[in-house]
């Protein structure tokens, strides 16, 4: 089992109102310069929010939501400081309630 850290916000806020694409490009470039493997993923309509233990987080985040999921806690802390209006936390996966950390609920319901 792996611990994943996340920053989640409304899709409209993160993808339309914030210069988020620039933030991800900047971080990706930084990882390349450091010769570090990319350890973060953008997940639209994250399925992990449907887990019972995530009900409070989901209820506080306008839907549809978008999450940045990472195995790097420091990166998620950096995102929280940079973006401010995001919820952050962590979860372990795979588990009985979160079988795939990077699954999209949109893909499951399609």
N, C-alpha and C. Protein backbone atom coordinates (compact mmCIF):
# COMPACT_ATOMS: atom_id res chain seq x y z
N UNK A 1 0.85 -1.18 0.00
CA UNK A 1 0.00 0.00 0.00
C UNK A 1 0.89 1.25 0.00
N UNK A 2 0.45 2.25 -0.71
CA UNK A 2 1.19 3.50 -0.86
C UNK A 2 0.37 4.64 -0.27
N UNK A 3 1.04 5.58 0.37
CA UNK A 3 0.36 6.79 0.84
C UNK A 3 0.41 7.82 -0.28
N UNK A 4 -0.76 8.34 -0.62
CA UNK A 4 -0.88 9.39 -1.63
C UNK A 4 -1.34 10.66 -0.94
N UNK A 5 -0.85 11.77 -1.42
CA UNK A 5 -1.22 13.09 -0.92
C UNK A 5 -1.96 13.79 -2.04
N UNK A 6 -2.91 14.64 -1.68
CA UNK A 6 -3.70 15.29 -2.72
C UNK A 6 -3.97 16.75 -2.39
N UNK A 7 -4.22 17.48 -3.46
CA UNK A 7 -4.76 18.83 -3.40
C UNK A 7 -5.98 18.79 -4.32
N UNK A 8 -7.13 19.13 -3.80
CA UNK A 8 -8.36 19.04 -4.58
C UNK A 8 -9.10 20.38 -4.54
N UNK A 9 -9.69 20.71 -5.68
CA UNK A 9 -10.46 21.96 -5.80
C UNK A 9 -11.49 21.77 -6.90
N UNK A 10 -12.33 22.77 -7.05
CA UNK A 10 -13.31 22.70 -8.14
C UNK A 10 -12.58 22.79 -9.47
N UNK A 11 -13.10 22.09 -10.45
CA UNK A 11 -12.51 22.11 -11.78
C UNK A 11 -12.47 23.53 -12.33
N UNK A 12 -13.53 24.28 -12.12
CA UNK A 12 -13.58 25.65 -12.63
C UNK A 12 -12.46 26.50 -12.02
N UNK A 13 -12.28 26.41 -10.70
CA UNK A 13 -11.24 27.19 -10.04
C UNK A 13 -9.85 26.78 -10.54
N UNK A 14 -9.58 25.50 -10.49
CA UNK A 14 -8.22 25.04 -10.78
C UNK A 14 -7.84 25.14 -12.25
N UNK A 15 -8.76 24.83 -13.13
CA UNK A 15 -8.41 24.78 -14.55
C UNK A 15 -8.79 26.02 -15.36
N UNK A 16 -9.66 26.86 -14.78
CA UNK A 16 -10.07 28.05 -15.53
C UNK A 16 -9.63 29.36 -14.87
N UNK A 17 -9.71 29.43 -13.54
CA UNK A 17 -9.45 30.69 -12.86
C UNK A 17 -7.99 30.85 -12.43
N UNK A 18 -7.28 29.77 -12.29
CA UNK A 18 -5.88 29.81 -11.85
C UNK A 18 -4.96 29.53 -13.04
N UNK A 19 -3.76 30.06 -13.03
CA UNK A 19 -2.79 29.73 -14.09
C UNK A 19 -2.14 28.38 -13.79
N UNK A 20 -2.99 27.37 -13.61
CA UNK A 20 -2.53 26.07 -13.12
C UNK A 20 -1.65 25.33 -14.12
N UNK A 21 -1.93 25.48 -15.39
CA UNK A 21 -1.11 24.82 -16.41
C UNK A 21 0.35 25.28 -16.28
N UNK A 22 0.53 26.56 -16.02
CA UNK A 22 1.89 27.09 -15.83
C UNK A 22 2.56 26.49 -14.59
N UNK A 23 1.79 26.31 -13.53
CA UNK A 23 2.32 25.72 -12.31
C UNK A 23 2.82 24.30 -12.59
N UNK A 24 2.01 23.51 -13.30
CA UNK A 24 2.41 22.13 -13.61
C UNK A 24 3.61 22.09 -14.54
N UNK A 25 3.64 22.97 -15.52
CA UNK A 25 4.80 23.01 -16.43
C UNK A 25 6.07 23.38 -15.68
N UNK A 26 5.96 24.36 -14.77
CA UNK A 26 7.10 24.78 -13.97
C UNK A 26 7.61 23.62 -13.12
N UNK A 27 6.71 22.91 -12.50
CA UNK A 27 7.11 21.78 -11.65
C UNK A 27 7.70 20.65 -12.47
N UNK A 28 7.12 20.37 -13.63
CA UNK A 28 7.63 19.33 -14.51
C UNK A 28 9.06 19.68 -14.95
N UNK A 29 9.27 20.92 -15.31
CA UNK A 29 10.61 21.38 -15.71
C UNK A 29 11.60 21.22 -14.56
N UNK A 30 11.17 21.57 -13.36
CA UNK A 30 12.02 21.42 -12.17
C UNK A 30 12.42 19.96 -11.98
N UNK A 31 11.46 19.06 -12.12
CA UNK A 31 11.75 17.63 -11.97
C UNK A 31 12.76 17.18 -13.01
N UNK A 32 12.61 17.65 -14.24
CA UNK A 32 13.56 17.29 -15.30
C UNK A 32 14.96 17.79 -14.96
N UNK A 33 15.06 19.03 -14.50
CA UNK A 33 16.37 19.59 -14.14
C UNK A 33 17.03 18.82 -13.00
N UNK A 34 16.22 18.31 -12.09
CA UNK A 34 16.73 17.55 -10.95
C UNK A 34 16.90 16.06 -11.27
N UNK A 35 16.55 15.70 -12.52
CA UNK A 35 16.57 14.30 -12.96
C UNK A 35 15.77 13.42 -12.01
N UNK A 36 14.60 13.92 -11.66
CA UNK A 36 13.70 13.24 -10.75
C UNK A 36 12.48 12.76 -11.52
N UNK A 37 12.03 11.56 -11.22
CA UNK A 37 10.84 11.03 -11.88
C UNK A 37 9.60 11.83 -11.44
N UNK A 38 8.70 12.08 -12.37
CA UNK A 38 7.47 12.79 -12.05
C UNK A 38 6.63 11.90 -11.13
N UNK A 39 6.20 12.46 -10.02
CA UNK A 39 5.44 11.70 -9.04
C UNK A 39 4.13 12.40 -8.69
N UNK A 40 3.55 13.07 -9.69
CA UNK A 40 2.25 13.71 -9.48
C UNK A 40 1.40 13.54 -10.73
N UNK A 41 0.09 13.51 -10.51
CA UNK A 41 -0.86 13.28 -11.58
C UNK A 41 -2.07 14.17 -11.39
N UNK A 42 -2.64 14.64 -12.49
CA UNK A 42 -3.87 15.42 -12.47
C UNK A 42 -5.02 14.47 -12.74
N UNK A 43 -5.99 14.44 -11.85
CA UNK A 43 -7.12 13.52 -11.98
C UNK A 43 -8.42 14.33 -11.96
N UNK A 44 -9.13 14.30 -13.08
CA UNK A 44 -10.44 14.96 -13.14
C UNK A 44 -11.47 14.02 -12.53
N UNK A 45 -12.40 14.59 -11.77
CA UNK A 45 -13.45 13.84 -11.08
C UNK A 45 -12.83 12.64 -10.34
N UNK A 46 -11.96 12.89 -9.39
CA UNK A 46 -11.25 11.80 -8.72
C UNK A 46 -12.18 10.83 -7.99
N UNK A 47 -12.03 9.55 -8.31
CA UNK A 47 -12.87 8.51 -7.71
C UNK A 47 -12.61 8.35 -6.22
N UNK A 48 -11.40 8.68 -5.75
CA UNK A 48 -11.12 8.51 -4.32
C UNK A 48 -12.04 9.35 -3.45
N UNK A 49 -12.63 10.43 -4.01
CA UNK A 49 -13.56 11.26 -3.24
C UNK A 49 -14.86 10.52 -2.94
N UNK A 50 -15.14 9.42 -3.66
CA UNK A 50 -16.36 8.65 -3.42
C UNK A 50 -16.21 7.66 -2.27
N UNK A 51 -15.00 7.50 -1.75
CA UNK A 51 -14.78 6.60 -0.61
C UNK A 51 -15.48 7.19 0.62
N UNK A 52 -16.08 6.34 1.45
CA UNK A 52 -16.80 6.85 2.64
C UNK A 52 -15.94 7.75 3.53
N UNK A 53 -14.67 7.44 3.67
CA UNK A 53 -13.81 8.26 4.54
C UNK A 53 -13.49 9.63 3.95
N UNK A 54 -13.84 9.84 2.68
CA UNK A 54 -13.58 11.13 2.02
C UNK A 54 -14.85 11.97 1.89
N UNK A 55 -15.94 11.53 2.49
CA UNK A 55 -17.23 12.22 2.34
C UNK A 55 -17.16 13.69 2.77
N UNK A 56 -16.47 13.98 3.85
CA UNK A 56 -16.38 15.36 4.34
C UNK A 56 -15.61 16.24 3.35
N UNK A 57 -14.53 15.72 2.80
CA UNK A 57 -13.74 16.48 1.82
C UNK A 57 -14.60 16.74 0.58
N UNK A 58 -15.29 15.71 0.10
CA UNK A 58 -16.11 15.86 -1.10
C UNK A 58 -17.23 16.87 -0.88
N UNK A 59 -17.82 16.86 0.31
CA UNK A 59 -18.93 17.79 0.58
C UNK A 59 -18.47 19.25 0.64
N UNK A 60 -17.20 19.47 0.92
CA UNK A 60 -16.66 20.83 1.00
C UNK A 60 -16.12 21.35 -0.33
N UNK A 61 -16.01 20.50 -1.31
CA UNK A 61 -15.41 20.88 -2.59
C UNK A 61 -16.47 20.94 -3.68
N UNK A 62 -16.64 22.12 -4.30
CA UNK A 62 -17.61 22.21 -5.40
C UNK A 62 -17.28 21.19 -6.50
N UNK A 63 -18.34 20.60 -7.04
CA UNK A 63 -18.18 19.59 -8.08
C UNK A 63 -18.48 20.20 -9.45
N UNK A 64 -17.90 19.72 -10.52
CA UNK A 64 -16.93 18.63 -10.56
C UNK A 64 -15.58 19.09 -10.00
N UNK A 65 -14.88 18.14 -9.42
CA UNK A 65 -13.60 18.43 -8.77
C UNK A 65 -12.45 17.93 -9.63
N UNK A 66 -11.27 18.48 -9.34
CA UNK A 66 -10.02 18.05 -9.95
C UNK A 66 -9.02 17.92 -8.81
N UNK A 67 -8.19 16.88 -8.89
CA UNK A 67 -7.18 16.68 -7.85
C UNK A 67 -5.81 16.50 -8.46
N UNK A 68 -4.83 16.99 -7.75
CA UNK A 68 -3.45 16.65 -8.03
C UNK A 68 -3.09 15.63 -6.97
N UNK A 69 -2.69 14.46 -7.42
CA UNK A 69 -2.35 13.36 -6.53
C UNK A 69 -0.85 13.11 -6.66
N UNK A 70 -0.19 12.91 -5.53
CA UNK A 70 1.26 12.72 -5.55
C UNK A 70 1.69 11.79 -4.43
N UNK A 71 2.85 11.20 -4.58
CA UNK A 71 3.46 10.45 -3.49
C UNK A 71 4.41 11.34 -2.71
N UNK A 72 4.49 12.61 -3.10
CA UNK A 72 5.41 13.57 -2.51
C UNK A 72 4.63 14.59 -1.67
N UNK A 73 4.66 14.42 -0.36
CA UNK A 73 3.93 15.32 0.54
C UNK A 73 4.39 16.76 0.41
N UNK A 74 5.69 16.96 0.25
CA UNK A 74 6.24 18.32 0.14
C UNK A 74 5.67 19.05 -1.07
N UNK A 75 5.51 18.34 -2.18
CA UNK A 75 4.95 18.95 -3.38
C UNK A 75 3.50 19.41 -3.14
N UNK A 76 2.71 18.60 -2.46
CA UNK A 76 1.32 18.97 -2.20
C UNK A 76 1.27 20.16 -1.24
N UNK A 77 2.16 20.20 -0.27
CA UNK A 77 2.24 21.36 0.64
C UNK A 77 2.59 22.61 -0.15
N UNK A 78 3.53 22.49 -1.07
CA UNK A 78 3.92 23.60 -1.94
C UNK A 78 2.73 24.08 -2.77
N UNK A 79 1.94 23.13 -3.31
CA UNK A 79 0.75 23.51 -4.09
C UNK A 79 -0.25 24.26 -3.21
N UNK A 80 -0.46 23.79 -2.00
CA UNK A 80 -1.40 24.44 -1.09
C UNK A 80 -0.99 25.89 -0.83
N UNK A 81 0.30 26.10 -0.63
CA UNK A 81 0.79 27.46 -0.40
C UNK A 81 0.66 28.32 -1.65
N UNK A 82 0.84 27.72 -2.79
CA UNK A 82 0.79 28.44 -4.06
C UNK A 82 -0.64 28.78 -4.48
N UNK A 83 -1.56 27.85 -4.24
CA UNK A 83 -2.93 28.01 -4.75
C UNK A 83 -3.93 28.48 -3.70
N UNK A 84 -3.67 28.22 -2.45
CA UNK A 84 -4.47 28.66 -1.32
C UNK A 84 -5.84 27.99 -1.23
N UNK A 85 -6.70 28.14 -2.23
CA UNK A 85 -8.08 27.65 -2.13
C UNK A 85 -8.22 26.21 -2.60
N UNK A 86 -7.45 25.33 -1.99
CA UNK A 86 -7.55 23.90 -2.26
C UNK A 86 -7.59 23.16 -0.93
N UNK A 87 -8.22 22.01 -0.95
CA UNK A 87 -8.21 21.14 0.23
C UNK A 87 -7.09 20.13 0.03
N UNK A 88 -6.39 19.81 1.09
CA UNK A 88 -5.31 18.84 0.99
C UNK A 88 -5.52 17.74 2.02
N UNK A 89 -4.89 16.62 1.77
CA UNK A 89 -4.97 15.50 2.68
C UNK A 89 -4.19 14.33 2.14
N UNK A 90 -4.47 13.17 2.70
CA UNK A 90 -3.77 11.97 2.28
C UNK A 90 -4.68 10.76 2.41
N UNK A 91 -4.33 9.70 1.70
CA UNK A 91 -5.03 8.44 1.80
C UNK A 91 -4.07 7.33 1.38
N UNK A 92 -4.40 6.11 1.76
CA UNK A 92 -3.62 4.96 1.37
C UNK A 92 -4.37 4.18 0.30
N UNK A 93 -3.63 3.68 -0.68
CA UNK A 93 -4.24 2.90 -1.75
C UNK A 93 -3.19 1.93 -2.28
N UNK A 94 -3.59 0.82 -2.83
CA UNK A 94 -4.98 0.38 -2.94
C UNK A 94 -5.54 -0.09 -1.60
N UNK A 95 -6.84 0.11 -1.46
CA UNK A 95 -7.54 -0.33 -0.26
C UNK A 95 -8.93 -0.80 -0.68
N UNK A 96 -9.69 -1.29 0.27
CA UNK A 96 -11.04 -1.77 -0.04
C UNK A 96 -11.93 -0.66 -0.59
N UNK A 97 -11.74 0.57 -0.10
CA UNK A 97 -12.60 1.68 -0.53
C UNK A 97 -11.97 2.54 -1.62
N UNK A 98 -10.64 2.45 -1.78
CA UNK A 98 -9.93 3.19 -2.83
C UNK A 98 -9.00 2.21 -3.55
N UNK A 99 -9.55 1.45 -4.52
CA UNK A 99 -8.72 0.45 -5.20
C UNK A 99 -7.66 1.06 -6.13
N UNK A 100 -7.93 2.25 -6.67
CA UNK A 100 -7.00 2.88 -7.60
C UNK A 100 -6.90 4.36 -7.27
N UNK A 101 -5.74 4.79 -6.81
CA UNK A 101 -5.54 6.18 -6.38
C UNK A 101 -5.76 7.19 -7.51
N UNK A 102 -5.55 6.78 -8.75
CA UNK A 102 -5.60 7.72 -9.86
C UNK A 102 -6.85 7.56 -10.73
N UNK A 103 -7.81 6.78 -10.27
CA UNK A 103 -9.04 6.55 -11.05
C UNK A 103 -9.91 7.80 -11.08
N UNK A 104 -10.60 7.95 -12.20
CA UNK A 104 -11.56 9.03 -12.37
C UNK A 104 -12.97 8.47 -12.29
N UNK A 105 -13.82 9.07 -11.49
CA UNK A 105 -15.21 8.65 -11.40
C UNK A 105 -15.93 8.85 -12.73
N UNK A 106 -15.49 9.82 -13.51
CA UNK A 106 -16.09 10.07 -14.81
C UNK A 106 -15.85 8.89 -15.74
N UNK A 107 -14.67 8.32 -15.67
CA UNK A 107 -14.34 7.16 -16.51
C UNK A 107 -15.12 5.93 -16.08
N UNK A 108 -15.37 5.81 -14.78
CA UNK A 108 -16.09 4.66 -14.25
C UNK A 108 -17.56 4.71 -14.66
N UNK A 109 -18.16 5.90 -14.64
CA UNK A 109 -19.58 6.02 -14.94
C UNK A 109 -19.87 6.09 -16.43
N UNK A 110 -18.85 6.25 -17.25
CA UNK A 110 -19.06 6.38 -18.70
C UNK A 110 -19.39 5.05 -19.34
